[in-house]
Amino acid sequence: MFAPQYNIEINNDGTNGQIGPAALKVVYDLGKKAAADFMQQQARDGGRLSGAYR
């Protein structure tokens, strides 16, 4: 089972409770890394995508 745990701290640089550009980039990069990790895990032997990237 793929269940990573990420411990992150985001310092928001936005005003009036809105998310700022730096915090938004951190969230985007975290999602991108999580998706890449999941695809890599599924491409290993026995995963749903094993053999798809050869």
PDB file of N, CA and C in Angstrom:
ATOM      1  N   MET A   1       0.833  -1.170   0.000  1.00  0.00           N
ATOM      2  CA  MET A   1       0.000   0.000   0.000  1.00  0.00           C
ATOM      3  C   MET A   1       0.885   1.242   0.000  1.00  0.00           C
ATOM      4  N   PHE A   2       0.577   2.187  -0.842  1.00  0.00           N
ATOM      5  CA  PHE A   2       1.336   3.434  -0.940  1.00  0.00           C
ATOM      6  C   PHE A   2       0.714   4.465  -0.016  1.00  0.00           C
ATOM      7  N   ALA A   3       1.385   4.767   1.077  1.00  0.00           N
ATOM      8  CA  ALA A   3       0.843   5.725   2.046  1.00  0.00           C
ATOM      9  C   ALA A   3       1.969   6.567   2.640  1.00  0.00           C
ATOM     10  N   PRO A   4       2.550   7.464   1.833  1.00  0.00           N
ATOM     11  CA  PRO A   4       3.634   8.292   2.369  1.00  0.00           C
ATOM     12  C   PRO A   4       3.100   9.323   3.364  1.00  0.00           C
ATOM     13  N   GLN A   5       3.976   9.739   4.255  1.00  0.00           N
ATOM     14  CA  GLN A   5       3.623  10.792   5.197  1.00  0.00           C
ATOM     15  C   GLN A   5       4.598  11.937   4.985  1.00  0.00           C
ATOM     16  N   TYR A   6       4.075  13.108   4.701  1.00  0.00           N
ATOM     17  CA  TYR A   6       4.894  14.291   4.488  1.00  0.00           C
ATOM     18  C   TYR A   6       4.683  15.250   5.657  1.00  0.00           C
ATOM     19  N   ASN A   7       5.774  15.683   6.255  1.00  0.00           N
ATOM     20  CA  ASN A   7       5.704  16.688   7.308  1.00  0.00           C
ATOM     21  C   ASN A   7       6.172  18.002   6.708  1.00  0.00           C
ATOM     22  N   ILE A   8       5.248  18.938   6.545  1.00  0.00           N
ATOM     23  CA  ILE A   8       5.590  20.205   5.902  1.00  0.00           C
ATOM     24  C   ILE A   8       5.160  21.373   6.777  1.00  0.00           C
ATOM     25  N   GLU A   9       5.830  22.477   6.580  1.00  0.00           N
ATOM     26  CA  GLU A   9       5.462  23.723   7.247  1.00  0.00           C
ATOM     27  C   GLU A   9       5.418  24.798   6.176  1.00  0.00           C
ATOM     28  N   ILE A  10       4.297  25.479   6.068  1.00  0.00           N
ATOM     29  CA  ILE A  10       4.130  26.516   5.053  1.00  0.00           C
ATOM     30  C   ILE A  10       3.965  27.856   5.756  1.00  0.00           C
ATOM     31  N   ASN A  11       4.840  28.782   5.417  1.00  0.00           N
ATOM     32  CA  ASN A  11       4.719  30.150   5.917  1.00  0.00           C
ATOM     33  C   ASN A  11       4.031  30.965   4.840  1.00  0.00           C
ATOM     34  N   ASN A  12       2.803  31.342   5.098  1.00  0.00           N
ATOM     35  CA  ASN A  12       2.005  32.048   4.106  1.00  0.00           C
ATOM     36  C   ASN A  12       2.459  33.497   3.990  1.00  0.00           C
ATOM     37  N   ASP A  13       2.679  33.949   2.761  1.00  0.00           N
ATOM     38  CA  ASP A  13       3.088  35.331   2.519  1.00  0.00           C
ATOM     39  C   ASP A  13       1.944  36.161   1.945  1.00  0.00           C
ATOM     40  N   GLY A  14       0.740  35.620   1.951  1.00  0.00           N
ATOM     41  CA  GLY A  14      -0.420  36.338   1.423  1.00  0.00           C
ATOM     42  C   GLY A  14      -0.997  37.305   2.451  1.00  0.00           C
ATOM     43  N   THR A  15      -1.959  38.088   2.015  1.00  0.00           N
ATOM     44  CA  THR A  15      -2.602  39.042   2.912  1.00  0.00           C
ATOM     45  C   THR A  15      -4.084  38.699   3.044  1.00  0.00           C
ATOM     46  N   ASN A  16      -4.679  39.140   4.125  1.00  0.00           N
ATOM     47  CA  ASN A  16      -6.114  38.990   4.357  1.00  0.00           C
ATOM     48  C   ASN A  16      -6.569  37.527   4.299  1.00  0.00           C
ATOM     49  N   GLY A  17      -5.732  36.614   4.771  1.00  0.00           N
ATOM     50  CA  GLY A  17      -6.089  35.204   4.814  1.00  0.00           C
ATOM     51  C   GLY A  17      -5.994  34.458   3.501  1.00  0.00           C
ATOM     52  N   GLN A  18      -5.544  35.121   2.450  1.00  0.00           N
ATOM     53  CA  GLN A  18      -5.414  34.458   1.151  1.00  0.00           C
ATOM     54  C   GLN A  18      -4.044  33.799   1.040  1.00  0.00           C
ATOM     55  N   ILE A  19      -3.976  32.769   0.223  1.00  0.00           N
ATOM     56  CA  ILE A  19      -2.708  32.079   0.024  1.00  0.00           C
ATOM     57  C   ILE A  19      -1.835  32.896  -0.930  1.00  0.00           C
ATOM     58  N   GLY A  20      -0.577  33.044  -0.564  1.00  0.00           N
ATOM     59  CA  GLY A  20       0.351  33.820  -1.378  1.00  0.00           C
ATOM     60  C   GLY A  20       1.030  32.957  -2.424  1.00  0.00           C
ATOM     61  N   PRO A  21       1.778  33.573  -3.336  1.00  0.00           N
ATOM     62  CA  PRO A  21       2.405  32.825  -4.423  1.00  0.00           C
ATOM     63  C   PRO A  21       3.450  31.812  -3.956  1.00  0.00           C
ATOM     64  N   ALA A  22       4.227  32.148  -2.932  1.00  0.00           N
ATOM     65  CA  ALA A  22       5.250  31.214  -2.454  1.00  0.00           C
ATOM     66  C   ALA A  22       4.602  29.989  -1.804  1.00  0.00           C
ATOM     67  N   ALA A  23       3.564  30.207  -1.004  1.00  0.00           N
ATOM     68  CA  ALA A  23       2.868  29.088  -0.365  1.00  0.00           C
ATOM     69  C   ALA A  23       2.168  28.225  -1.407  1.00  0.00           C
ATOM     70  N   LEU A  24       1.600  28.849  -2.421  1.00  0.00           N
ATOM     71  CA  LEU A  24       0.936  28.103  -3.486  1.00  0.00           C
ATOM     72  C   LEU A  24       1.932  27.230  -4.244  1.00  0.00           C
ATOM     73  N   LYS A  25       3.141  27.743  -4.466  1.00  0.00           N
ATOM     74  CA  LYS A  25       4.181  26.972  -5.152  1.00  0.00           C
ATOM     75  C   LYS A  25       4.592  25.759  -4.317  1.00  0.00           C
ATOM     76  N   VAL A  26       4.682  25.926  -2.994  1.00  0.00           N
ATOM     77  CA  VAL A  26       5.026  24.806  -2.115  1.00  0.00           C
ATOM     78  C   VAL A  26       3.972  23.708  -2.220  1.00  0.00           C
ATOM     79  N   VAL A  27       2.705  24.081  -2.193  1.00  0.00           N
ATOM     80  CA  VAL A  27       1.618  23.101  -2.299  1.00  0.00           C
ATOM     81  C   VAL A  27       1.664  22.404  -3.659  1.00  0.00           C
ATOM     82  N   TYR A  28       1.898  23.164  -4.722  1.00  0.00           N
ATOM     83  CA  TYR A  28       1.987  22.596  -6.074  1.00  0.00           C
ATOM     84  C   TYR A  28       3.154  21.616  -6.172  1.00  0.00           C
ATOM     85  N   ASP A  29       4.331  22.021  -5.679  1.00  0.00           N
ATOM     86  CA  ASP A  29       5.509  21.157  -5.748  1.00  0.00           C
ATOM     87  C   ASP A  29       5.321  19.886  -4.928  1.00  0.00           C
ATOM     88  N   LEU A  30       4.647  19.994  -3.783  1.00  0.00           N
ATOM     89  CA  LEU A  30       4.384  18.818  -2.954  1.00  0.00           C
ATOM     90  C   LEU A  30       3.483  17.831  -3.689  1.00  0.00           C
ATOM     91  N   GLY A  31       2.435  18.330  -4.328  1.00  0.00           N
ATOM     92  CA  GLY A  31       1.547  17.457  -5.103  1.00  0.00           C
ATOM     93  C   GLY A  31       2.261  16.815  -6.270  1.00  0.00           C
ATOM     94  N   LYS A  32       3.120  17.575  -6.921  1.00  0.00           N
ATOM     95  CA  LYS A  32       3.886  17.057  -8.055  1.00  0.00           C
ATOM     96  C   LYS A  32       4.828  15.937  -7.605  1.00  0.00           C
ATOM     97  N   LYS A  33       5.503  16.131  -6.458  1.00  0.00           N
ATOM     98  CA  LYS A  33       6.411  15.107  -5.935  1.00  0.00           C
ATOM     99  C   LYS A  33       5.634  13.860  -5.512  1.00  0.00           C
ATOM    100  N   ALA A  34       4.492  14.050  -4.878  1.00  0.00           N
ATOM    101  CA  ALA A  34       3.683  12.907  -4.446  1.00  0.00           C
ATOM    102  C   ALA A  34       3.215  12.094  -5.646  1.00  0.00           C
ATOM    103  N   ALA A  35       2.810  12.768  -6.719  1.00  0.00           N
ATOM    104  CA  ALA A  35       2.377  12.060  -7.929  1.00  0.00           C
ATOM    105  C   ALA A  35       3.539  11.309  -8.566  1.00  0.00           C
ATOM    106  N   ALA A  36       4.713  11.925  -8.608  1.00  0.00           N
ATOM    107  CA  ALA A  36       5.887  11.265  -9.185  1.00  0.00           C
ATOM    108  C   ALA A  36       6.289  10.051  -8.352  1.00  0.00           C
ATOM    109  N   ASP A  37       6.244  10.180  -7.016  1.00  0.00           N
ATOM    110  CA  ASP A  37       6.563   9.053  -6.136  1.00  0.00           C
ATOM    111  C   ASP A  37       5.583   7.905  -6.344  1.00  0.00           C
ATOM    112  N   PHE A  38       4.305   8.220  -6.483  1.00  0.00           N
ATOM    113  CA  PHE A  38       3.288   7.193  -6.686  1.00  0.00           C
ATOM    114  C   PHE A  38       3.504   6.462  -8.010  1.00  0.00           C
ATOM    115  N   MET A  39       3.769   7.213  -9.078  1.00  0.00           N
ATOM    116  CA  MET A  39       3.990   6.590 -10.386  1.00  0.00           C
ATOM    117  C   MET A  39       5.233   5.706 -10.367  1.00  0.00           C
ATOM    118  N   GLN A  40       6.276   6.152  -9.692  1.00  0.00           N
ATOM    119  CA  GLN A  40       7.493   5.350  -9.597  1.00  0.00           C
ATOM    120  C   GLN A  40       7.218   4.061  -8.826  1.00  0.00           C
ATOM    121  N   GLN A  41       6.449   4.158  -7.751  1.00  0.00           N
ATOM    122  CA  GLN A  41       6.124   2.978  -6.951  1.00  0.00           C
ATOM    123  C   GLN A  41       5.283   1.993  -7.757  1.00  0.00           C
ATOM    124  N   GLN A  42       4.344   2.478  -8.547  1.00  0.00           N
ATOM    125  CA  GLN A  42       3.482   1.607  -9.339  1.00  0.00           C
ATOM    126  C   GLN A  42       4.226   0.978 -10.513  1.00  0.00           C
ATOM    127  N   ALA A  43       5.312   1.589 -10.946  1.00  0.00           N
ATOM    128  CA  ALA A  43       6.072   1.065 -12.075  1.00  0.00           C
ATOM    129  C   ALA A  43       7.004  -0.072 -11.662  1.00  0.00           C
ATOM    130  N   ARG A  44       7.177  -0.285 -10.381  1.00  0.00           N
ATOM    131  CA  ARG A  44       8.051  -1.363  -9.905  1.00  0.00           C
ATOM    132  C   ARG A  44       7.391  -2.716 -10.148  1.00  0.00           C
ATOM    133  N   ASP A  45       8.178  -3.766 -10.007  1.00  0.00           N
ATOM    134  CA  ASP A  45       7.672  -5.123 -10.211  1.00  0.00           C
ATOM    135  C   ASP A  45       6.445  -5.371  -9.345  1.00  0.00           C
ATOM    136  N   GLY A  46       5.390  -5.814  -9.970  1.00  0.00           N
ATOM    137  CA  GLY A  46       4.161  -6.122  -9.260  1.00  0.00           C
ATOM    138  C   GLY A  46       3.190  -4.963  -9.174  1.00  0.00           C
ATOM    139  N   GLY A  47       3.626  -3.770  -9.539  1.00  0.00           N
ATOM    140  CA  GLY A  47       2.733  -2.610  -9.509  1.00  0.00           C
ATOM    141  C   GLY A  47       1.802  -2.620 -10.711  1.00  0.00           C
ATOM    142  N   ARG A  48       0.809  -1.799 -10.671  1.00  0.00           N
ATOM    143  CA  ARG A  48      -0.175  -1.757 -11.758  1.00  0.00           C
ATOM    144  C   ARG A  48       0.432  -1.302 -13.071  1.00  0.00           C
ATOM    145  N   LEU A  49       1.520  -0.556 -13.011  1.00  0.00           N
ATOM    146  CA  LEU A  49       2.144  -0.060 -14.233  1.00  0.00           C
ATOM    147  C   LEU A  49       3.465  -0.764 -14.534  1.00  0.00           C
ATOM    148  N   SER A  50       3.732  -1.887 -13.883  1.00  0.00           N
ATOM    149  CA  SER A  50       5.002  -2.570 -14.123  1.00  0.00           C
ATOM    150  C   SER A  50       5.082  -2.996 -15.584  1.00  0.00           C
ATOM    151  N   GLY A  51       6.171  -2.634 -16.217  1.00  0.00           N
ATOM    152  CA  GLY A  51       6.369  -2.939 -17.623  1.00  0.00           C
ATOM    153  C   GLY A  51       5.912  -1.841 -18.556  1.00  0.00           C
ATOM    154  N   ALA A  52       5.204  -0.852 -18.050  1.00  0.00           N
ATOM    155  CA  ALA A  52       4.673   0.205 -18.917  1.00  0.00           C
ATOM    156  C   ALA A  52       5.728   1.223 -19.322  1.00  0.00           C
ATOM    157  N   TYR A  53       6.817   1.323 -18.563  1.00  0.00           N
ATOM    158  CA  TYR A  53       7.821   2.351 -18.827  1.00  0.00           C
ATOM    159  C   TYR A  53       9.101   1.771 -19.406  1.00  0.00           C
ATOM    160  N   ARG A  54       9.020   0.656 -20.055  1.00  0.00           N
ATOM    161  CA  ARG A  54      10.232   0.037 -20.613  1.00  0.00           C
ATOM    162  C   ARG A  54      10.368   0.347 -22.060  1.00  0.00           C
TER     163      ARG A  54
END
